[in-house]
């Protein structure tokens, strides 16, 4: 699975877990050298209406090939927020 697929699937899971929110990927995921070669990348859940973040950074393993269910997003956000 490539990073574009992961971003799409994570965004779908975030939308299901947090209606009105999107995943905003961190660390220059689109253009940085680390984003294409680094072992991980992350995202934050962002409320589209208010522009406020609802999570700290949630790190994603780009080698993971399983599913990205909404329950996983909720648990990951809870853990990231402490």
PDB file of N, CA and C in Angstrom:
ATOM      1  N   UNK A   1       0.859  -1.170   0.000  1.00  0.00           N
ATOM      2  CA  UNK A   1       0.000   0.000   0.000  1.00  0.00           C
ATOM      3  C   UNK A   1       0.905   1.233   0.000  1.00  0.00           C
ATOM      4  N   UNK A   2       0.618   2.186  -0.883  1.00  0.00           N
ATOM      5  CA  UNK A   2       1.449   3.385  -0.903  1.00  0.00           C
ATOM      6  C   UNK A   2       0.850   4.466  -0.006  1.00  0.00           C
ATOM      7  N   UNK A   3       1.601   5.515   0.185  1.00  0.00           N
ATOM      8  CA  UNK A   3       1.179   6.571   1.124  1.00  0.00           C
ATOM      9  C   UNK A   3      -0.092   7.286   0.674  1.00  0.00           C
ATOM     10  N   UNK A   4      -0.300   7.422  -0.620  1.00  0.00           N
ATOM     11  CA  UNK A   4      -1.542   8.049  -1.091  1.00  0.00           C
ATOM     12  C   UNK A   4      -2.743   7.205  -0.686  1.00  0.00           C
ATOM     13  N   UNK A   5      -2.619   5.894  -0.798  1.00  0.00           N
ATOM     14  CA  UNK A   5      -3.702   4.997  -0.366  1.00  0.00           C
ATOM     15  C   UNK A   5      -3.920   5.104   1.139  1.00  0.00           C
ATOM     16  N   UNK A   6      -2.832   5.143   1.889  1.00  0.00           N
ATOM     17  CA  UNK A   6      -2.940   5.268   3.347  1.00  0.00           C
ATOM     18  C   UNK A   6      -3.626   6.579   3.712  1.00  0.00           C
ATOM     19  N   UNK A   7      -3.221   7.676   3.090  1.00  0.00           N
ATOM     20  CA  UNK A   7      -3.849   8.971   3.380  1.00  0.00           C
ATOM     21  C   UNK A   7      -5.344   8.932   3.075  1.00  0.00           C
ATOM     22  N   UNK A   8      -5.714   8.334   1.954  1.00  0.00           N
ATOM     23  CA  UNK A   8      -7.128   8.239   1.586  1.00  0.00           C
ATOM     24  C   UNK A   8      -7.893   7.411   2.618  1.00  0.00           C
ATOM     25  N   UNK A   9      -7.340   6.260   2.996  1.00  0.00           N
ATOM     26  CA  UNK A   9      -8.024   5.383   3.949  1.00  0.00           C
ATOM     27  C   UNK A   9      -8.093   6.003   5.344  1.00  0.00           C
ATOM     28  N   UNK A  10      -7.036   6.666   5.756  1.00  0.00           N
ATOM     29  CA  UNK A  10      -7.053   7.338   7.052  1.00  0.00           C
ATOM     30  C   UNK A  10      -8.091   8.462   7.034  1.00  0.00           C
ATOM     31  N   UNK A  11      -8.160   9.228   5.956  1.00  0.00           N
ATOM     32  CA  UNK A  11      -9.161  10.292   5.866  1.00  0.00           C
ATOM     33  C   UNK A  11     -10.575   9.726   5.919  1.00  0.00           C
ATOM     34  N   UNK A  12     -10.813   8.589   5.279  1.00  0.00           N
ATOM     35  CA  UNK A  12     -12.132   7.953   5.344  1.00  0.00           C
ATOM     36  C   UNK A  12     -12.456   7.536   6.778  1.00  0.00           C
ATOM     37  N   UNK A  13     -11.486   6.967   7.469  1.00  0.00           N
ATOM     38  CA  UNK A  13     -11.694   6.526   8.859  1.00  0.00           C
ATOM     39  C   UNK A  13     -11.914   7.719   9.775  1.00  0.00           C
ATOM     40  N   UNK A  14     -11.174   8.805   9.565  1.00  0.00           N
ATOM     41  CA  UNK A  14     -11.350  10.017  10.379  1.00  0.00           C
ATOM     42  C   UNK A  14     -12.746  10.590  10.155  1.00  0.00           C
ATOM     43  N   UNK A  15     -13.200  10.639   8.905  1.00  0.00           N
ATOM     44  CA  UNK A  15     -14.534  11.171   8.605  1.00  0.00           C
ATOM     45  C   UNK A  15     -15.616  10.326   9.275  1.00  0.00           C
ATOM     46  N   UNK A  16     -15.409   9.013   9.337  1.00  0.00           N
ATOM     47  CA  UNK A  16     -16.389   8.134   9.987  1.00  0.00           C
ATOM     48  C   UNK A  16     -16.353   8.294  11.507  1.00  0.00           C
ATOM     49  N   UNK A  17     -15.159   8.440  12.063  1.00  0.00           N
ATOM     50  CA  UNK A  17     -15.009   8.549  13.519  1.00  0.00           C
ATOM     51  C   UNK A  17     -15.367   9.942  14.028  1.00  0.00           C
ATOM     52  N   UNK A  18     -15.047  10.965  13.250  1.00  0.00           N
ATOM     53  CA  UNK A  18     -15.256  12.355  13.649  1.00  0.00           C
ATOM     54  C   UNK A  18     -15.894  13.128  12.491  1.00  0.00           C
ATOM     55  N   UNK A  19     -17.219  13.041  12.359  1.00  0.00           N
ATOM     56  CA  UNK A  19     -17.886  13.770  11.269  1.00  0.00           C
ATOM     57  C   UNK A  19     -17.524  15.260  11.298  1.00  0.00           C
ATOM     58  N   UNK A  20     -17.267  15.794  10.126  1.00  0.00           N
ATOM     59  CA  UNK A  20     -16.895  17.202  10.024  1.00  0.00           C
ATOM     60  C   UNK A  20     -15.414  17.452  10.202  1.00  0.00           C
ATOM     61  N   UNK A  21     -14.632  16.368  10.319  1.00  0.00           N
ATOM     62  CA  UNK A  21     -13.192  16.499  10.509  1.00  0.00           C
ATOM     63  C   UNK A  21     -12.438  15.819   9.365  1.00  0.00           C
ATOM     64  N   UNK A  22     -11.182  16.227   9.214  1.00  0.00           N
ATOM     65  CA  UNK A  22     -10.290  15.623   8.231  1.00  0.00           C
ATOM     66  C   UNK A  22      -8.973  15.283   8.906  1.00  0.00           C
ATOM     67  N   UNK A  23      -8.213  14.428   8.257  1.00  0.00           N
ATOM     68  CA  UNK A  23      -6.856  14.137   8.722  1.00  0.00           C
ATOM     69  C   UNK A  23      -5.919  15.115   8.030  1.00  0.00           C
ATOM     70  N   UNK A  24      -5.161  15.861   8.821  1.00  0.00           N
ATOM     71  CA  UNK A  24      -4.162  16.770   8.259  1.00  0.00           C
ATOM     72  C   UNK A  24      -2.804  16.139   8.527  1.00  0.00           C
ATOM     73  N   UNK A  25      -2.144  15.726   7.469  1.00  0.00           N
ATOM     74  CA  UNK A  25      -0.874  15.017   7.618  1.00  0.00           C
ATOM     75  C   UNK A  25       0.247  15.983   7.939  1.00  0.00           C
ATOM     76  N   UNK A  26       1.146  15.525   8.782  1.00  0.00           N
ATOM     77  CA  UNK A  26       2.205  16.353   9.349  1.00  0.00           C
ATOM     78  C   UNK A  26       3.569  15.996   8.756  1.00  0.00           C
ATOM     79  N   UNK A  27       4.489  16.930   8.887  1.00  0.00           N
ATOM     80  CA  UNK A  27       5.880  16.665   8.539  1.00  0.00           C
ATOM     81  C   UNK A  27       6.189  16.774   7.068  1.00  0.00           C
ATOM     82  N   UNK A  28       5.442  17.565   6.331  1.00  0.00           N
ATOM     83  CA  UNK A  28       5.743  17.712   4.911  1.00  0.00           C
ATOM     84  C   UNK A  28       5.544  16.430   4.142  1.00  0.00           C
ATOM     85  N   UNK A  29       4.512  15.719   4.459  1.00  0.00           N
ATOM     86  CA  UNK A  29       4.283  14.410   3.864  1.00  0.00           C
ATOM     87  C   UNK A  29       4.296  14.462   2.351  1.00  0.00           C
ATOM     88  N   UNK A  30       3.832  15.509   1.783  1.00  0.00           N
ATOM     89  CA  UNK A  30       3.735  15.575   0.327  1.00  0.00           C
ATOM     90  C   UNK A  30       5.068  15.835  -0.368  1.00  0.00           C
ATOM     91  N   UNK A  31       5.950  16.609   0.261  1.00  0.00           N
ATOM     92  CA  UNK A  31       7.123  17.054  -0.487  1.00  0.00           C
ATOM     93  C   UNK A  31       8.474  16.751   0.144  1.00  0.00           C
ATOM     94  N   UNK A  32       8.522  16.418   1.398  1.00  0.00           N
ATOM     95  CA  UNK A  32       9.824  16.270   2.035  1.00  0.00           C
ATOM     96  C   UNK A  32      10.467  14.928   1.724  1.00  0.00           C
ATOM     97  N   UNK A  33      11.773  14.902   1.797  1.00  0.00           N
ATOM     98  CA  UNK A  33      12.519  13.664   1.559  1.00  0.00           C
ATOM     99  C   UNK A  33      12.184  12.624   2.628  1.00  0.00           C
ATOM    100  N   UNK A  34      12.053  13.052   3.888  1.00  0.00           N
ATOM    101  CA  UNK A  34      11.709  12.124   4.961  1.00  0.00           C
ATOM    102  C   UNK A  34      10.317  11.532   4.748  1.00  0.00           C
ATOM    103  N   UNK A  35       9.438  12.316   4.165  1.00  0.00           N
ATOM    104  CA  UNK A  35       8.080  11.816   3.954  1.00  0.00           C
ATOM    105  C   UNK A  35       8.066  10.645   2.976  1.00  0.00           C
ATOM    106  N   UNK A  36       8.982  10.643   2.040  1.00  0.00           N
ATOM    107  CA  UNK A  36       8.996   9.555   1.069  1.00  0.00           C
ATOM    108  C   UNK A  36       9.912   8.418   1.487  1.00  0.00           C
ATOM    109  N   UNK A  37      10.834   8.699   2.413  1.00  0.00           N
ATOM    110  CA  UNK A  37      11.793   7.673   2.808  1.00  0.00           C
ATOM    111  C   UNK A  37      11.781   7.339   4.284  1.00  0.00           C
ATOM    112  N   UNK A  38      11.175   8.172   5.087  1.00  0.00           N
ATOM    113  CA  UNK A  38      11.165   7.949   6.529  1.00  0.00           C
ATOM    114  C   UNK A  38      10.307   6.757   6.906  1.00  0.00           C
ATOM    115  N   UNK A  39      10.541   6.215   8.090  1.00  0.00           N
ATOM    116  CA  UNK A  39       9.821   5.015   8.504  1.00  0.00           C
ATOM    117  C   UNK A  39       8.373   5.266   8.920  1.00  0.00           C
ATOM    118  N   UNK A  40       8.036   6.487   9.268  1.00  0.00           N
ATOM    119  CA  UNK A  40       6.675   6.784   9.697  1.00  0.00           C
ATOM    120  C   UNK A  40       6.275   8.177   9.258  1.00  0.00           C
ATOM    121  N   UNK A  41       5.005   8.444   9.316  1.00  0.00           N
ATOM    122  CA  UNK A  41       4.508   9.807   9.160  1.00  0.00           C
ATOM    123  C   UNK A  41       3.253   9.919  10.008  1.00  0.00           C
ATOM    124  N   UNK A  42       2.760  11.127  10.190  1.00  0.00           N
ATOM    125  CA  UNK A  42       1.655  11.306  11.122  1.00  0.00           C
ATOM    126  C   UNK A  42       0.580  12.225  10.602  1.00  0.00           C
ATOM    127  N   UNK A  43      -0.505  12.257  11.360  1.00  0.00           N
ATOM    128  CA  UNK A  43      -1.610  13.148  11.034  1.00  0.00           C
ATOM    129  C   UNK A  43      -2.238  13.659  12.320  1.00  0.00           C
ATOM    130  N   UNK A  44      -2.981  14.746  12.181  1.00  0.00           N
ATOM    131  CA  UNK A  44      -3.799  15.267  13.274  1.00  0.00           C
ATOM    132  C   UNK A  44      -5.225  15.377  12.765  1.00  0.00           C
ATOM    133  N   UNK A  45      -6.176  15.177  13.655  1.00  0.00           N
ATOM    134  CA  UNK A  45      -7.581  15.321  13.305  1.00  0.00           C
ATOM    135  C   UNK A  45      -7.942  16.798  13.440  1.00  0.00           C
ATOM    136  N   UNK A  46      -8.472  17.366  12.360  1.00  0.00           N
ATOM    137  CA  UNK A  46      -8.789  18.794  12.336  1.00  0.00           C
ATOM    138  C   UNK A  46     -10.264  19.004  12.022  1.00  0.00           C
ATOM    139  N   UNK A  47     -10.921  19.832  12.829  1.00  0.00           N
ATOM    140  CA  UNK A  47     -12.314  20.197  12.611  1.00  0.00           C
ATOM    141  C   UNK A  47     -12.358  21.201  11.465  1.00  0.00           C
ATOM    142  N   UNK A  48     -13.104  20.882  10.427  1.00  0.00           N
ATOM    143  CA  UNK A  48     -13.141  21.732   9.237  1.00  0.00           C
ATOM    144  C   UNK A  48     -13.795  23.086   9.528  1.00  0.00           C
ATOM    145  N   UNK A  49     -14.850  23.096  10.325  1.00  0.00           N
ATOM    146  CA  UNK A  49     -15.562  24.359  10.606  1.00  0.00           C
ATOM    147  C   UNK A  49     -14.746  25.324  11.443  1.00  0.00           C
ATOM    148  N   UNK A  50     -14.165  24.829  12.524  1.00  0.00           N
ATOM    149  CA  UNK A  50     -13.473  25.724  13.462  1.00  0.00           C
ATOM    150  C   UNK A  50     -11.988  25.868  13.157  1.00  0.00           C
ATOM    151  N   UNK A  51     -11.431  24.905  12.423  1.00  0.00           N
ATOM    152  CA  UNK A  51      -9.995  24.924  12.155  1.00  0.00           C
ATOM    153  C   UNK A  51      -9.164  24.430  13.329  1.00  0.00           C
ATOM    154  N   UNK A  52      -9.826  23.971  14.379  1.00  0.00           N
ATOM    155  CA  UNK A  52      -9.108  23.497  15.572  1.00  0.00           C
ATOM    156  C   UNK A  52      -8.770  22.021  15.443  1.00  0.00           C
ATOM    157  N   UNK A  53      -7.663  21.679  16.049  1.00  0.00           N
ATOM    158  CA  UNK A  53      -7.243  20.280  16.066  1.00  0.00           C
ATOM    159  C   UNK A  53      -7.921  19.553  17.212  1.00  0.00           C
ATOM    160  N   UNK A  54      -8.306  18.310  16.943  1.00  0.00           N
ATOM    161  CA  UNK A  54      -8.936  17.493  17.979  1.00  0.00           C
ATOM    162  C   UNK A  54      -7.991  16.410  18.475  1.00  0.00           C
ATOM    163  N   UNK A  55      -6.762  16.426  17.951  1.00  0.00           N
ATOM    164  CA  UNK A  55      -5.790  15.421  18.399  1.00  0.00           C
ATOM    165  C   UNK A  55      -4.384  15.983  18.313  1.00  0.00           C
ATOM    166  N   UNK A  56      -3.494  15.322  19.029  1.00  0.00           N
ATOM    167  CA  UNK A  56      -2.070  15.524  18.822  1.00  0.00           C
ATOM    168  C   UNK A  56      -1.696  14.672  17.616  1.00  0.00           C
ATOM    169  N   UNK A  57      -0.420  14.597  17.293  1.00  0.00           N
ATOM    170  CA  UNK A  57       0.004  13.806  16.142  1.00  0.00           C
ATOM    171  C   UNK A  57      -0.203  12.323  16.430  1.00  0.00           C
ATOM    172  N   UNK A  58      -0.826  11.651  15.472  1.00  0.00           N
ATOM    173  CA  UNK A  58      -0.989  10.196  15.498  1.00  0.00           C
ATOM    174  C   UNK A  58      -0.017   9.652  14.464  1.00  0.00           C
ATOM    175  N   UNK A  59       0.937   8.842  14.911  1.00  0.00           N
ATOM    176  CA  UNK A  59       1.946   8.302  14.004  1.00  0.00           C
ATOM    177  C   UNK A  59       1.418   7.071  13.298  1.00  0.00           C
ATOM    178  N   UNK A  60       1.744   6.963  12.030  1.00  0.00           N
ATOM    179  CA  UNK A  60       1.271   5.877  11.175  1.00  0.00           C
ATOM    180  C   UNK A  60       2.475   5.142  10.600  1.00  0.00           C
ATOM    181  N   UNK A  61       2.427   3.824  10.641  1.00  0.00           N
ATOM    182  CA  UNK A  61       3.461   3.013  10.015  1.00  0.00           C
ATOM    183  C   UNK A  61       3.078   2.822   8.548  1.00  0.00           C
ATOM    184  N   UNK A  62       3.857   3.367   7.606  1.00  0.00           N
ATOM    185  CA  UNK A  62       3.490   3.278   6.196  1.00  0.00           C
ATOM    186  C   UNK A  62       3.614   1.867   5.624  1.00  0.00           C
ATOM    187  N   UNK A  63       4.193   0.946   6.378  1.00  0.00           N
ATOM    188  CA  UNK A  63       4.296  -0.436   5.910  1.00  0.00           C
ATOM    189  C   UNK A  63       3.092  -1.270   6.313  1.00  0.00           C
ATOM    190  N   UNK A  64       2.192  -0.712   7.125  1.00  0.00           N
ATOM    191  CA  UNK A  64       1.010  -1.439   7.575  1.00  0.00           C
ATOM    192  C   UNK A  64       0.094  -1.697   6.381  1.00  0.00           C
ATOM    193  N   UNK A  65      -0.393  -2.923   6.247  1.00  0.00           N
ATOM    194  CA  UNK A  65      -1.227  -3.255   5.091  1.00  0.00           C
ATOM    195  C   UNK A  65      -2.655  -3.648   5.480  1.00  0.00           C
ATOM    196  N   UNK A  66      -3.015  -3.482   6.732  1.00  0.00           N
ATOM    197  CA  UNK A  66      -4.360  -3.853   7.187  1.00  0.00           C
ATOM    198  C   UNK A  66      -5.379  -2.774   6.897  1.00  0.00           C
ATOM    199  N   UNK A  67      -6.455  -2.816   7.653  1.00  0.00           N
ATOM    200  CA  UNK A  67      -7.521  -1.830   7.491  1.00  0.00           C
ATOM    201  C   UNK A  67      -7.324  -0.675   8.473  1.00  0.00           C
ATOM    202  N   UNK A  68      -8.019   0.405   8.228  1.00  0.00           N
ATOM    203  CA  UNK A  68      -7.954   1.603   9.063  1.00  0.00           C
ATOM    204  C   UNK A  68      -9.367   1.920   9.540  1.00  0.00           C
ATOM    205  N   UNK A  69      -9.915   1.136  10.462  1.00  0.00           N
ATOM    206  CA  UNK A  69     -11.297   1.371  10.907  1.00  0.00           C
ATOM    207  C   UNK A  69     -11.425   2.618  11.785  1.00  0.00           C
ATOM    208  N   UNK A  70     -12.654   3.127  11.847  1.00  0.00           N
ATOM    209  CA  UNK A  70     -12.933   4.312  12.658  1.00  0.00           C
ATOM    210  C   UNK A  70     -12.586   4.071  14.125  1.00  0.00           C
ATOM    211  N   UNK A  71     -12.816   2.857  14.619  1.00  0.00           N
ATOM    212  CA  UNK A  71     -12.477   2.558  16.021  1.00  0.00           C
ATOM    213  C   UNK A  71     -10.982   2.723  16.276  1.00  0.00           C
ATOM    214  N   UNK A  72     -10.163   2.348  15.317  1.00  0.00           N
ATOM    215  CA  UNK A  72      -8.714   2.516  15.463  1.00  0.00           C
ATOM    216  C   UNK A  72      -8.385   4.000  15.587  1.00  0.00           C
ATOM    217  N   UNK A  73      -9.017   4.830  14.747  1.00  0.00           N
ATOM    218  CA  UNK A  73      -8.763   6.274  14.791  1.00  0.00           C
ATOM    219  C   UNK A  73      -9.150   6.823  16.160  1.00  0.00           C
ATOM    220  N   UNK A  74     -10.313   6.437  16.670  1.00  0.00           N
ATOM    221  CA  UNK A  74     -10.742   6.931  17.992  1.00  0.00           C
ATOM    222  C   UNK A  74      -9.737   6.562  19.070  1.00  0.00           C
ATOM    223  N   UNK A  75      -9.304   5.295  19.084  1.00  0.00           N
ATOM    224  CA  UNK A  75      -8.328   4.848  20.096  1.00  0.00           C
ATOM    225  C   UNK A  75      -6.996   5.589  19.926  1.00  0.00           C
ATOM    226  N   UNK A  76      -6.539   5.732  18.698  1.00  0.00           N
ATOM    227  CA  UNK A  76      -5.269   6.416  18.452  1.00  0.00           C
ATOM    228  C   UNK A  76      -5.336   7.874  18.888  1.00  0.00           C
ATOM    229  N   UNK A  77      -6.462   8.526  18.644  1.00  0.00           N
ATOM    230  CA  UNK A  77      -6.632   9.924  19.061  1.00  0.00           C
ATOM    231  C   UNK A  77      -6.647  10.014  20.582  1.00  0.00           C
ATOM    232  N   UNK A  78      -7.374   9.120  21.237  1.00  0.00           N
ATOM    233  CA  UNK A  78      -7.404   9.124  22.697  1.00  0.00           C
ATOM    234  C   UNK A  78      -5.996   8.949  23.265  1.00  0.00           C
ATOM    235  N   UNK A  79      -5.232   8.022  22.704  1.00  0.00           N
ATOM    236  CA  UNK A  79      -3.855   7.811  23.176  1.00  0.00           C
ATOM    237  C   UNK A  79      -2.983   9.023  22.914  1.00  0.00           C
ATOM    238  N   UNK A  80      -3.133   9.642  21.753  1.00  0.00           N
ATOM    239  CA  UNK A  80      -2.299  10.803  21.422  1.00  0.00           C
ATOM    240  C   UNK A  80      -2.603  11.983  22.337  1.00  0.00           C
ATOM    241  N   UNK A  81      -3.847  12.083  22.758  1.00  0.00           N
ATOM    242  CA  UNK A  81      -4.255  13.201  23.617  1.00  0.00           C
ATOM    243  C   UNK A  81      -3.942  12.946  25.084  1.00  0.00           C
ATOM    244  N   UNK A  82      -3.529  11.736  25.395  1.00  0.00           N
ATOM    245  CA  UNK A  82      -3.145  11.393  26.771  1.00  0.00           C
ATOM    246  C   UNK A  82      -4.289  11.186  27.623  1.00  0.00           C
TER     247      UNK A  82
END
